[in-house]
Amino acid sequence: MRVFAVACVMLAIAACASGRGRVAELQPLAPGVTMALPASPAFGDGDDVMQLVQVRYQGHQQMFQSVIRSKDGHFTVVMSVPSGPRIMRIDWTTDNVTAKKEVLAPAGLSPERMLADLMLVYGAGDAVRKSIEGAVFVEPYPTTRKVIKDGKVLIEVTRPQGDIWSGRASIINHAFDYQLAIQSQRAQSQRAADD
């Protein structure tokens, strides 16, 4: 339970200026830097993805897991405590983000802010670039992304080469002082490994 609480505190602080509801609302990435989520999910279709996410924030280290599905313009994230109860389900469709929070989920946990972090790592580069205001988004290498303002790197992203949904990714948000280490695996790959 403490694991989830620290993760939620980190996400709630990162979401301090965010509202809930429409995807057009701006999500804070850093002071003076925002992301407007696209009207429709920008991930394309794919197999289900299983993720294990390690959160580091103010000296604490916590874990949660999620299952992601992207199909026919519908992007779904189901988040839970590792091997435990569900925390929240997020559904992103054209012009709408809906979330069902379980009793375990704190009120400050923002589904849109979580989607903004997913966009930074997994969204198409052009879509991410167009959605950020107040800073510059660059991709110096296929596996590296940065958000820079006034010559200072505010956010660093690393992602897998090739299949971005299989392998290790990370976000270091220097402005809000948190890190996410993400291990992803496509569900089909997992089934093949189990056979």
N, C-alpha and C. Protein backbone atom coordinates (compact mmCIF):
# COMPACT_ATOMS: atom_id res chain seq x y z
N MET A 1 0.82 -1.19 0.00
CA MET A 1 0.00 0.00 0.00
C MET A 1 0.87 1.26 0.00
N ARG A 2 1.96 1.26 0.76
CA ARG A 2 2.87 2.39 0.80
C ARG A 2 3.49 2.63 -0.57
N VAL A 3 3.75 1.52 -1.30
CA VAL A 3 4.30 1.60 -2.65
C VAL A 3 3.40 2.47 -3.52
N PHE A 4 2.14 2.17 -3.52
CA PHE A 4 1.20 2.91 -4.36
C PHE A 4 1.04 4.34 -3.88
N ALA A 5 1.04 4.55 -2.59
CA ALA A 5 0.83 5.89 -2.05
C ALA A 5 1.90 6.85 -2.53
N VAL A 6 3.17 6.44 -2.53
CA VAL A 6 4.25 7.32 -2.98
C VAL A 6 4.13 7.59 -4.47
N ALA A 7 3.79 6.57 -5.25
CA ALA A 7 3.61 6.77 -6.70
C ALA A 7 2.51 7.79 -6.94
N CYS A 8 1.44 7.70 -6.18
CA CYS A 8 0.32 8.62 -6.37
C CYS A 8 0.68 10.04 -5.94
N VAL A 9 1.48 10.17 -4.88
CA VAL A 9 1.92 11.49 -4.45
C VAL A 9 2.73 12.14 -5.57
N MET A 10 3.64 11.36 -6.17
CA MET A 10 4.46 11.88 -7.27
C MET A 10 3.58 12.32 -8.42
N LEU A 11 2.64 11.50 -8.81
CA LEU A 11 1.78 11.84 -9.94
C LEU A 11 0.86 13.00 -9.59
N ALA A 12 0.40 13.09 -8.36
CA ALA A 12 -0.47 14.19 -7.95
C ALA A 12 0.28 15.51 -7.98
N ILE A 13 1.54 15.52 -7.54
CA ILE A 13 2.33 16.75 -7.58
C ILE A 13 2.57 17.17 -9.02
N ALA A 14 2.90 16.19 -9.88
CA ALA A 14 3.11 16.50 -11.29
C ALA A 14 1.83 17.02 -11.92
N ALA A 15 0.70 16.62 -11.38
CA ALA A 15 -0.59 17.02 -11.94
C ALA A 15 -1.18 18.24 -11.23
N CYS A 16 -0.39 18.95 -10.46
CA CYS A 16 -0.93 20.00 -9.60
C CYS A 16 -1.77 21.02 -10.34
N ALA A 17 -1.47 21.30 -11.60
CA ALA A 17 -2.25 22.31 -12.32
C ALA A 17 -3.25 21.70 -13.28
N SER A 18 -3.37 20.39 -13.28
CA SER A 18 -4.22 19.78 -14.30
C SER A 18 -5.65 19.67 -13.83
N GLY A 19 -6.56 19.75 -14.79
CA GLY A 19 -7.96 19.52 -14.50
C GLY A 19 -8.32 18.10 -14.87
N ARG A 20 -9.59 17.78 -14.78
CA ARG A 20 -10.04 16.44 -15.14
C ARG A 20 -11.13 16.58 -16.18
N GLY A 21 -11.21 15.63 -17.08
CA GLY A 21 -12.31 15.65 -18.04
C GLY A 21 -11.85 15.68 -19.47
N ARG A 22 -11.98 16.81 -20.15
CA ARG A 22 -11.73 16.91 -21.57
C ARG A 22 -10.23 16.81 -21.87
N VAL A 23 -9.90 16.17 -22.99
CA VAL A 23 -8.50 16.01 -23.36
C VAL A 23 -7.86 17.31 -23.81
N ALA A 24 -8.63 18.33 -24.11
CA ALA A 24 -8.07 19.60 -24.56
C ALA A 24 -7.37 20.35 -23.44
N GLU A 25 -7.64 20.00 -22.20
CA GLU A 25 -7.01 20.70 -21.10
C GLU A 25 -5.50 20.46 -21.12
N LEU A 26 -4.76 21.48 -20.72
CA LEU A 26 -3.31 21.39 -20.74
C LEU A 26 -2.80 20.63 -19.52
N GLN A 27 -1.82 19.79 -19.75
CA GLN A 27 -1.21 19.01 -18.67
C GLN A 27 0.18 19.59 -18.40
N PRO A 28 0.51 19.91 -17.15
CA PRO A 28 1.82 20.49 -16.85
C PRO A 28 2.92 19.44 -16.95
N LEU A 29 3.98 19.78 -17.67
CA LEU A 29 5.17 18.93 -17.75
C LEU A 29 6.28 19.48 -16.87
N ALA A 30 6.29 20.80 -16.71
CA ALA A 30 7.27 21.52 -15.91
C ALA A 30 6.71 22.92 -15.73
N PRO A 31 7.23 23.72 -14.82
CA PRO A 31 6.73 25.10 -14.69
C PRO A 31 6.80 25.83 -16.03
N GLY A 32 5.65 26.34 -16.48
CA GLY A 32 5.60 27.08 -17.73
C GLY A 32 5.61 26.21 -18.98
N VAL A 33 5.57 24.89 -18.83
CA VAL A 33 5.59 23.97 -19.97
C VAL A 33 4.38 23.05 -19.86
N THR A 34 3.59 22.98 -20.93
CA THR A 34 2.38 22.17 -20.91
C THR A 34 2.30 21.27 -22.13
N MET A 35 1.44 20.26 -22.01
CA MET A 35 1.11 19.39 -23.12
C MET A 35 -0.40 19.36 -23.27
N ALA A 36 -0.87 19.60 -24.48
CA ALA A 36 -2.28 19.44 -24.80
C ALA A 36 -2.43 18.07 -25.44
N LEU A 37 -3.10 17.16 -24.75
CA LEU A 37 -3.27 15.82 -25.32
C LEU A 37 -4.03 15.94 -26.64
N PRO A 38 -3.61 15.19 -27.66
CA PRO A 38 -4.34 15.22 -28.93
C PRO A 38 -5.79 14.81 -28.72
N ALA A 39 -6.65 15.20 -29.64
CA ALA A 39 -8.07 14.87 -29.54
C ALA A 39 -8.30 13.37 -29.60
N SER A 40 -7.42 12.65 -30.28
CA SER A 40 -7.52 11.19 -30.38
C SER A 40 -6.20 10.57 -29.94
N PRO A 41 -6.23 9.34 -29.43
CA PRO A 41 -5.00 8.67 -29.04
C PRO A 41 -4.00 8.62 -30.19
N ALA A 42 -2.73 8.85 -29.91
CA ALA A 42 -1.70 8.92 -30.94
C ALA A 42 -0.74 7.74 -30.86
N PHE A 43 -1.28 6.54 -30.63
CA PHE A 43 -0.42 5.38 -30.45
C PHE A 43 -0.59 4.31 -31.53
N GLY A 44 -1.67 4.33 -32.29
CA GLY A 44 -1.91 3.31 -33.29
C GLY A 44 -2.39 2.01 -32.66
N ASP A 45 -2.68 1.02 -33.51
CA ASP A 45 -3.15 -0.28 -33.03
C ASP A 45 -1.96 -1.16 -32.66
N GLY A 46 -2.18 -2.07 -31.72
CA GLY A 46 -1.12 -2.98 -31.35
C GLY A 46 -1.61 -4.04 -30.38
N ASP A 47 -0.71 -4.97 -30.08
CA ASP A 47 -1.01 -6.02 -29.11
C ASP A 47 -1.14 -5.41 -27.73
N ASP A 48 -1.78 -6.14 -26.83
CA ASP A 48 -1.81 -5.71 -25.43
C ASP A 48 -0.37 -5.65 -24.92
N VAL A 49 -0.12 -4.69 -24.04
CA VAL A 49 1.21 -4.50 -23.48
C VAL A 49 1.11 -4.61 -21.96
N MET A 50 2.03 -5.35 -21.37
CA MET A 50 2.14 -5.47 -19.92
C MET A 50 3.32 -4.60 -19.49
N GLN A 51 3.13 -3.79 -18.44
CA GLN A 51 4.20 -2.93 -17.96
C GLN A 51 4.39 -3.06 -16.46
N LEU A 52 5.64 -2.99 -16.07
CA LEU A 52 6.01 -2.85 -14.67
C LEU A 52 6.71 -1.50 -14.57
N VAL A 53 6.21 -0.62 -13.70
CA VAL A 53 6.71 0.74 -13.61
C VAL A 53 7.28 0.98 -12.21
N GLN A 54 8.53 1.43 -12.20
CA GLN A 54 9.20 1.78 -10.94
C GLN A 54 9.24 3.30 -10.86
N VAL A 55 8.75 3.83 -9.75
CA VAL A 55 8.69 5.28 -9.54
C VAL A 55 9.72 5.66 -8.48
N ARG A 56 10.50 6.70 -8.78
CA ARG A 56 11.42 7.26 -7.79
C ARG A 56 11.05 8.72 -7.60
N TYR A 57 10.79 9.08 -6.35
CA TYR A 57 10.38 10.44 -6.04
C TYR A 57 10.78 10.78 -4.61
N GLN A 58 11.54 11.85 -4.44
CA GLN A 58 11.99 12.32 -3.14
C GLN A 58 12.55 11.21 -2.27
N GLY A 59 13.45 10.43 -2.82
CA GLY A 59 14.12 9.38 -2.07
C GLY A 59 13.32 8.10 -1.90
N HIS A 60 12.11 8.05 -2.40
CA HIS A 60 11.28 6.85 -2.30
C HIS A 60 11.30 6.11 -3.63
N GLN A 61 11.13 4.81 -3.54
CA GLN A 61 11.08 3.97 -4.74
C GLN A 61 9.88 3.04 -4.61
N GLN A 62 9.00 3.07 -5.61
CA GLN A 62 7.78 2.29 -5.55
C GLN A 62 7.50 1.63 -6.90
N MET A 63 6.57 0.66 -6.92
CA MET A 63 6.25 -0.07 -8.14
C MET A 63 4.73 -0.11 -8.35
N PHE A 64 4.32 -0.12 -9.62
CA PHE A 64 2.96 -0.50 -9.98
C PHE A 64 3.01 -1.19 -11.33
N GLN A 65 1.93 -1.82 -11.69
CA GLN A 65 1.88 -2.50 -12.99
C GLN A 65 0.67 -2.01 -13.76
N SER A 66 0.76 -2.16 -15.08
CA SER A 66 -0.37 -1.75 -15.92
C SER A 66 -0.48 -2.65 -17.14
N VAL A 67 -1.68 -2.70 -17.66
CA VAL A 67 -1.96 -3.38 -18.92
C VAL A 67 -2.50 -2.31 -19.86
N ILE A 68 -1.92 -2.24 -21.06
CA ILE A 68 -2.29 -1.22 -22.04
C ILE A 68 -2.83 -1.90 -23.29
N ARG A 69 -3.92 -1.35 -23.81
CA ARG A 69 -4.50 -1.85 -25.06
C ARG A 69 -4.77 -0.65 -25.96
N SER A 70 -4.33 -0.74 -27.23
CA SER A 70 -4.56 0.32 -28.20
C SER A 70 -5.14 -0.31 -29.46
N LYS A 71 -6.42 -0.03 -29.71
CA LYS A 71 -7.10 -0.65 -30.85
C LYS A 71 -8.23 0.23 -31.33
N ASP A 72 -8.33 0.42 -32.64
CA ASP A 72 -9.44 1.13 -33.27
C ASP A 72 -9.72 2.49 -32.63
N GLY A 73 -8.66 3.28 -32.38
CA GLY A 73 -8.84 4.61 -31.81
C GLY A 73 -9.24 4.63 -30.35
N HIS A 74 -9.10 3.51 -29.67
CA HIS A 74 -9.45 3.39 -28.25
C HIS A 74 -8.20 2.95 -27.50
N PHE A 75 -7.73 3.78 -26.57
CA PHE A 75 -6.53 3.49 -25.79
C PHE A 75 -6.95 3.27 -24.34
N THR A 76 -6.62 2.11 -23.79
CA THR A 76 -7.03 1.76 -22.43
C THR A 76 -5.81 1.43 -21.59
N VAL A 77 -5.79 1.95 -20.36
CA VAL A 77 -4.76 1.63 -19.39
C VAL A 77 -5.45 1.13 -18.13
N VAL A 78 -5.07 -0.06 -17.67
CA VAL A 78 -5.57 -0.58 -16.40
C VAL A 78 -4.37 -0.69 -15.47
N MET A 79 -4.43 0.07 -14.37
CA MET A 79 -3.31 0.16 -13.44
C MET A 79 -3.66 -0.56 -12.15
N SER A 80 -2.67 -1.27 -11.59
CA SER A 80 -2.89 -1.98 -10.33
C SER A 80 -1.62 -2.01 -9.50
N VAL A 81 -1.80 -2.36 -8.26
CA VAL A 81 -0.66 -2.65 -7.39
C VAL A 81 -0.08 -3.97 -7.89
N PRO A 82 1.26 -4.16 -7.90
CA PRO A 82 1.81 -5.42 -8.41
C PRO A 82 1.15 -6.63 -7.74
N SER A 83 0.63 -7.50 -8.57
CA SER A 83 -0.06 -8.72 -8.13
C SER A 83 -1.15 -8.41 -7.11
N GLY A 84 -1.75 -7.26 -7.26
CA GLY A 84 -2.76 -6.86 -6.29
C GLY A 84 -3.97 -6.24 -6.93
N PRO A 85 -4.73 -5.47 -6.15
CA PRO A 85 -5.99 -4.92 -6.63
C PRO A 85 -5.80 -3.82 -7.67
N ARG A 86 -6.84 -3.63 -8.46
CA ARG A 86 -6.86 -2.57 -9.47
C ARG A 86 -6.94 -1.22 -8.78
N ILE A 87 -6.25 -0.24 -9.38
CA ILE A 87 -6.25 1.12 -8.87
C ILE A 87 -7.15 2.01 -9.73
N MET A 88 -6.98 1.87 -11.07
CA MET A 88 -7.72 2.75 -11.95
C MET A 88 -7.72 2.19 -13.37
N ARG A 89 -8.79 2.50 -14.09
CA ARG A 89 -8.88 2.20 -15.53
C ARG A 89 -9.09 3.52 -16.25
N ILE A 90 -8.29 3.75 -17.30
CA ILE A 90 -8.40 4.96 -18.12
C ILE A 90 -8.77 4.54 -19.53
N ASP A 91 -9.77 5.20 -20.11
CA ASP A 91 -10.16 4.98 -21.50
C ASP A 91 -10.06 6.30 -22.23
N TRP A 92 -9.26 6.31 -23.30
CA TRP A 92 -9.07 7.51 -24.12
C TRP A 92 -9.61 7.22 -25.50
N THR A 93 -10.65 7.92 -25.89
CA THR A 93 -11.23 7.81 -27.22
C THR A 93 -11.27 9.21 -27.82
N THR A 94 -11.73 9.33 -29.03
CA THR A 94 -11.78 10.64 -29.69
C THR A 94 -12.54 11.63 -28.81
N ASP A 95 -11.86 12.73 -28.48
CA ASP A 95 -12.43 13.85 -27.72
C ASP A 95 -12.79 13.55 -26.28
N ASN A 96 -12.37 12.43 -25.71
CA ASN A 96 -12.78 12.15 -24.34
C ASN A 96 -11.78 11.25 -23.61
N VAL A 97 -11.56 11.57 -22.37
CA VAL A 97 -10.82 10.69 -21.46
C VAL A 97 -11.75 10.40 -20.29
N THR A 98 -11.98 9.12 -20.02
CA THR A 98 -12.77 8.74 -18.86
C THR A 98 -11.91 7.86 -17.97
N ALA A 99 -12.18 7.91 -16.69
CA ALA A 99 -11.42 7.11 -15.75
C ALA A 99 -12.34 6.56 -14.68
N LYS A 100 -12.10 5.32 -14.32
CA LYS A 100 -12.81 4.72 -13.19
C LYS A 100 -11.77 4.44 -12.12
N LYS A 101 -11.84 5.20 -11.05
CA LYS A 101 -10.92 5.03 -9.94
C LYS A 101 -11.54 4.10 -8.91
N GLU A 102 -10.73 3.22 -8.41
CA GLU A 102 -11.17 2.35 -7.31
C GLU A 102 -10.98 3.09 -5.99
N VAL A 103 -11.52 2.54 -4.94
CA VAL A 103 -11.41 3.16 -3.61
C VAL A 103 -9.95 3.41 -3.23
N LEU A 104 -9.07 2.53 -3.68
CA LEU A 104 -7.64 2.62 -3.39
C LEU A 104 -6.98 3.84 -4.02
N ALA A 105 -7.56 4.38 -5.09
CA ALA A 105 -6.93 5.49 -5.82
C ALA A 105 -7.20 6.82 -5.13
N PRO A 106 -6.15 7.60 -4.89
CA PRO A 106 -6.35 8.91 -4.27
C PRO A 106 -6.99 9.89 -5.24
N ALA A 107 -7.69 10.87 -4.70
CA ALA A 107 -8.42 11.84 -5.52
C ALA A 107 -7.50 12.64 -6.43
N GLY A 108 -6.25 12.89 -6.03
CA GLY A 108 -5.33 13.71 -6.81
C GLY A 108 -4.69 13.02 -7.99
N LEU A 109 -4.95 11.74 -8.18
CA LEU A 109 -4.33 11.01 -9.29
C LEU A 109 -5.02 11.40 -10.60
N SER A 110 -4.26 11.99 -11.53
CA SER A 110 -4.82 12.53 -12.75
C SER A 110 -4.60 11.57 -13.93
N PRO A 111 -5.67 11.04 -14.51
CA PRO A 111 -5.53 10.17 -15.67
C PRO A 111 -4.88 10.89 -16.85
N GLU A 112 -5.24 12.15 -17.07
CA GLU A 112 -4.67 12.90 -18.19
C GLU A 112 -3.17 13.11 -18.01
N ARG A 113 -2.74 13.33 -16.78
CA ARG A 113 -1.29 13.52 -16.53
C ARG A 113 -0.54 12.23 -16.81
N MET A 114 -1.13 11.09 -16.46
CA MET A 114 -0.51 9.80 -16.76
C MET A 114 -0.42 9.61 -18.27
N LEU A 115 -1.46 10.00 -18.99
CA LEU A 115 -1.44 9.89 -20.45
C LEU A 115 -0.36 10.80 -21.05
N ALA A 116 -0.14 11.96 -20.44
CA ALA A 116 0.91 12.86 -20.93
C ALA A 116 2.28 12.19 -20.83
N ASP A 117 2.57 11.50 -19.72
CA ASP A 117 3.85 10.79 -19.61
C ASP A 117 3.94 9.67 -20.64
N LEU A 118 2.84 8.95 -20.86
CA LEU A 118 2.84 7.91 -21.89
C LEU A 118 3.08 8.52 -23.27
N MET A 119 2.50 9.68 -23.54
CA MET A 119 2.74 10.37 -24.82
C MET A 119 4.21 10.71 -24.99
N LEU A 120 4.84 11.21 -23.92
CA LEU A 120 6.25 11.58 -24.02
C LEU A 120 7.12 10.39 -24.42
N VAL A 121 6.78 9.21 -23.93
CA VAL A 121 7.59 8.03 -24.23
C VAL A 121 7.16 7.35 -25.53
N TYR A 122 5.86 7.13 -25.70
CA TYR A 122 5.38 6.25 -26.77
C TYR A 122 4.66 6.95 -27.92
N GLY A 123 4.31 8.21 -27.77
CA GLY A 123 3.60 8.92 -28.82
C GLY A 123 4.48 9.18 -30.03
N ALA A 124 3.86 9.33 -31.20
CA ALA A 124 4.60 9.67 -32.41
C ALA A 124 5.29 11.02 -32.20
N GLY A 125 6.55 11.12 -32.64
CA GLY A 125 7.34 12.32 -32.41
C GLY A 125 6.67 13.60 -32.85
N ASP A 126 6.08 13.62 -34.04
CA ASP A 126 5.41 14.82 -34.54
C ASP A 126 4.23 15.21 -33.66
N ALA A 127 3.47 14.22 -33.20
CA ALA A 127 2.31 14.49 -32.34
C ALA A 127 2.77 15.08 -31.01
N VAL A 128 3.85 14.55 -30.45
CA VAL A 128 4.38 15.07 -29.18
C VAL A 128 4.88 16.50 -29.38
N ARG A 129 5.64 16.72 -30.45
CA ARG A 129 6.20 18.04 -30.72
C ARG A 129 5.10 19.10 -30.83
N LYS A 130 4.02 18.78 -31.53
CA LYS A 130 2.92 19.72 -31.72
C LYS A 130 2.14 19.98 -30.44
N SER A 131 2.18 19.04 -29.51
CA SER A 131 1.36 19.16 -28.30
C SER A 131 2.04 19.93 -27.16
N ILE A 132 3.34 20.17 -27.27
CA ILE A 132 4.08 20.83 -26.19
C ILE A 132 4.16 22.33 -26.43
N GLU A 133 3.85 23.10 -25.39
CA GLU A 133 3.96 24.56 -25.43
C GLU A 133 4.88 25.02 -24.30
N GLY A 134 5.70 26.03 -24.60
CA GLY A 134 6.56 26.62 -23.59
C GLY A 134 7.95 26.02 -23.55
N ALA A 135 8.24 25.05 -24.42
CA ALA A 135 9.56 24.42 -24.47
C ALA A 135 9.74 23.78 -25.85
N VAL A 136 10.93 23.29 -26.09
CA VAL A 136 11.26 22.64 -27.35
C VAL A 136 11.38 21.14 -27.11
N PHE A 137 10.79 20.35 -27.99
CA PHE A 137 10.88 18.89 -27.94
C PHE A 137 11.85 18.46 -29.03
N VAL A 138 12.89 17.69 -28.64
CA VAL A 138 13.88 17.23 -29.61
C VAL A 138 14.07 15.72 -29.47
N GLU A 139 14.46 15.10 -30.58
CA GLU A 139 14.79 13.67 -30.62
C GLU A 139 16.18 13.53 -31.24
N PRO A 140 17.24 13.69 -30.42
CA PRO A 140 18.58 13.63 -30.99
C PRO A 140 18.94 12.24 -31.53
N TYR A 141 18.34 11.21 -31.00
CA TYR A 141 18.55 9.83 -31.45
C TYR A 141 17.20 9.12 -31.43
N PRO A 142 17.06 8.00 -32.16
CA PRO A 142 15.77 7.29 -32.16
C PRO A 142 15.34 6.82 -30.77
N THR A 143 16.29 6.66 -29.86
CA THR A 143 15.96 6.15 -28.52
C THR A 143 15.96 7.25 -27.45
N THR A 144 16.13 8.50 -27.85
CA THR A 144 16.25 9.59 -26.88
C THR A 144 15.33 10.75 -27.25
N ARG A 145 14.63 11.28 -26.25
CA ARG A 145 13.81 12.46 -26.41
C ARG A 145 14.12 13.41 -25.26
N LYS A 146 14.00 14.72 -25.54
CA LYS A 146 14.24 15.72 -24.50
C LYS A 146 13.26 16.87 -24.64
N VAL A 147 12.90 17.45 -23.50
CA VAL A 147 12.12 18.68 -23.47
C VAL A 147 13.06 19.73 -22.88
N ILE A 148 13.31 20.80 -23.67
CA ILE A 148 14.32 21.79 -23.31
C ILE A 148 13.69 23.18 -23.29
N LYS A 149 14.03 23.93 -22.26
CA LYS A 149 13.57 25.33 -22.17
C LYS A 149 14.74 26.20 -21.76
N ASP A 150 14.97 27.26 -22.51
CA ASP A 150 16.06 28.20 -22.23
C ASP A 150 17.40 27.48 -22.09
N GLY A 151 17.64 26.49 -22.94
CA GLY A 151 18.90 25.75 -22.94
C GLY A 151 19.03 24.71 -21.84
N LYS A 152 18.01 24.56 -21.00
CA LYS A 152 18.06 23.62 -19.88
C LYS A 152 17.18 22.41 -20.18
N VAL A 153 17.72 21.22 -19.97
CA VAL A 153 16.95 19.98 -20.17
C VAL A 153 16.03 19.79 -18.97
N LEU A 154 14.72 19.85 -19.23
CA LEU A 154 13.74 19.67 -18.16
C LEU A 154 13.31 18.21 -18.02
N ILE A 155 13.19 17.52 -19.16
CA ILE A 155 12.74 16.13 -19.17
C ILE A 155 13.60 15.34 -20.14
N GLU A 156 14.04 14.16 -19.71
CA GLU A 156 14.78 13.25 -20.57
C GLU A 156 14.02 11.94 -20.66
N VAL A 157 13.89 11.44 -21.88
CA VAL A 157 13.18 10.19 -22.13
C VAL A 157 14.11 9.25 -22.89
N THR A 158 14.17 8.01 -22.46
CA THR A 158 14.82 6.96 -23.26
C THR A 158 13.76 5.92 -23.57
N ARG A 159 13.87 5.31 -24.73
CA ARG A 159 12.89 4.31 -25.14
C ARG A 159 13.58 3.23 -25.96
N PRO A 160 12.94 2.07 -26.05
CA PRO A 160 13.57 0.96 -26.77
C PRO A 160 13.76 1.28 -28.25
N GLN A 161 14.78 0.70 -28.82
CA GLN A 161 14.99 0.81 -30.26
C GLN A 161 14.14 -0.24 -30.95
N GLY A 162 13.60 0.06 -32.10
CA GLY A 162 12.75 -0.89 -32.81
C GLY A 162 11.34 -0.86 -32.26
N ASP A 163 10.92 -1.95 -31.66
CA ASP A 163 9.57 -2.04 -31.07
C ASP A 163 9.55 -1.27 -29.75
N ILE A 164 8.97 -0.07 -29.77
CA ILE A 164 9.00 0.77 -28.57
C ILE A 164 8.20 0.20 -27.42
N TRP A 165 7.28 -0.73 -27.70
CA TRP A 165 6.44 -1.32 -26.65
C TRP A 165 7.06 -2.58 -26.05
N SER A 166 8.29 -2.91 -26.42
CA SER A 166 8.97 -4.09 -25.85
C SER A 166 10.36 -3.67 -25.39
N GLY A 167 10.55 -3.64 -24.10
CA GLY A 167 11.85 -3.28 -23.55
C GLY A 167 11.75 -2.20 -22.50
N ARG A 168 12.92 -1.65 -22.17
CA ARG A 168 13.01 -0.66 -21.10
C ARG A 168 12.88 0.76 -21.64
N ALA A 169 12.16 1.58 -20.88
CA ALA A 169 12.04 3.00 -21.17
C ALA A 169 12.14 3.75 -19.85
N SER A 170 12.41 5.05 -19.95
CA SER A 170 12.47 5.84 -18.72
C SER A 170 12.12 7.30 -19.00
N ILE A 171 11.66 7.94 -17.95
CA ILE A 171 11.44 9.39 -17.96
C ILE A 171 12.14 9.94 -16.72
N ILE A 172 12.95 10.96 -16.94
CA ILE A 172 13.51 11.72 -15.82
C ILE A 172 12.96 13.14 -15.96
N ASN A 173 12.12 13.52 -15.02
CA ASN A 173 11.54 14.85 -15.02
C ASN A 173 12.31 15.66 -13.97
N HIS A 174 13.28 16.45 -14.45
CA HIS A 174 14.12 17.25 -13.54
C HIS A 174 13.30 18.36 -12.87
N ALA A 175 12.32 18.90 -13.58
CA ALA A 175 11.54 20.01 -13.05
C ALA A 175 10.68 19.59 -11.86
N PHE A 176 10.04 18.42 -11.95
CA PHE A 176 9.19 17.94 -10.86
C PHE A 176 9.89 16.86 -10.03
N ASP A 177 11.16 16.61 -10.33
CA ASP A 177 12.01 15.73 -9.52
C ASP A 177 11.43 14.33 -9.34
N TYR A 178 11.13 13.66 -10.46
CA TYR A 178 10.73 12.26 -10.39
C TYR A 178 11.27 11.49 -11.58
N GLN A 179 11.33 10.18 -11.41
CA GLN A 179 11.79 9.28 -12.47
C GLN A 179 10.84 8.11 -12.58
N LEU A 180 10.59 7.68 -13.80
CA LEU A 180 9.83 6.47 -14.07
C LEU A 180 10.72 5.53 -14.86
N ALA A 181 10.88 4.31 -14.39
CA ALA A 181 11.57 3.26 -15.14
C ALA A 181 10.51 2.25 -15.54
N ILE A 182 10.35 2.03 -16.84
CA ILE A 182 9.25 1.22 -17.36
C ILE A 182 9.81 0.00 -18.10
N GLN A 183 9.32 -1.15 -17.73
CA GLN A 183 9.66 -2.40 -18.44
C GLN A 183 8.38 -2.86 -19.13
N SER A 184 8.39 -2.90 -20.46
CA SER A 184 7.20 -3.27 -21.24
C SER A 184 7.44 -4.56 -22.01
N GLN A 185 6.36 -5.31 -22.16
CA GLN A 185 6.40 -6.51 -22.98
C GLN A 185 5.04 -6.71 -23.61
N ARG A 186 5.03 -6.95 -24.91
CA ARG A 186 3.77 -7.23 -25.59
C ARG A 186 3.21 -8.55 -25.09
N ALA A 187 1.91 -8.61 -24.90
CA ALA A 187 1.27 -9.81 -24.37
C ALA A 187 1.50 -11.00 -25.28
N GLN A 188 1.52 -10.80 -26.62
CA GLN A 188 1.79 -11.90 -27.54
C GLN A 188 3.17 -12.47 -27.30
N SER A 189 4.16 -11.61 -27.06
CA SER A 189 5.51 -12.08 -26.78
C SER A 189 5.55 -12.92 -25.53
N GLN A 190 4.77 -12.47 -24.52
CA GLN A 190 4.71 -13.21 -23.27
C GLN A 190 4.09 -14.57 -23.49
N ARG A 191 2.99 -14.62 -24.28
CA ARG A 191 2.35 -15.91 -24.55
C ARG A 191 3.30 -16.84 -25.30
N ALA A 192 4.05 -16.28 -26.28
CA ALA A 192 4.99 -17.11 -27.03
C ALA A 192 6.08 -17.65 -26.12
N ALA A 193 6.54 -16.80 -25.16
CA ALA A 193 7.58 -17.25 -24.23
C ALA A 193 7.06 -18.34 -23.30
N ASP A 194 5.76 -18.27 -22.98
CA ASP A 194 5.17 -19.26 -22.08
C ASP A 194 4.93 -20.60 -22.78
N ASP A 195 4.82 -20.59 -24.13
CA ASP A 195 4.55 -21.85 -24.86
C ASP A 195 5.75 -22.77 -24.89
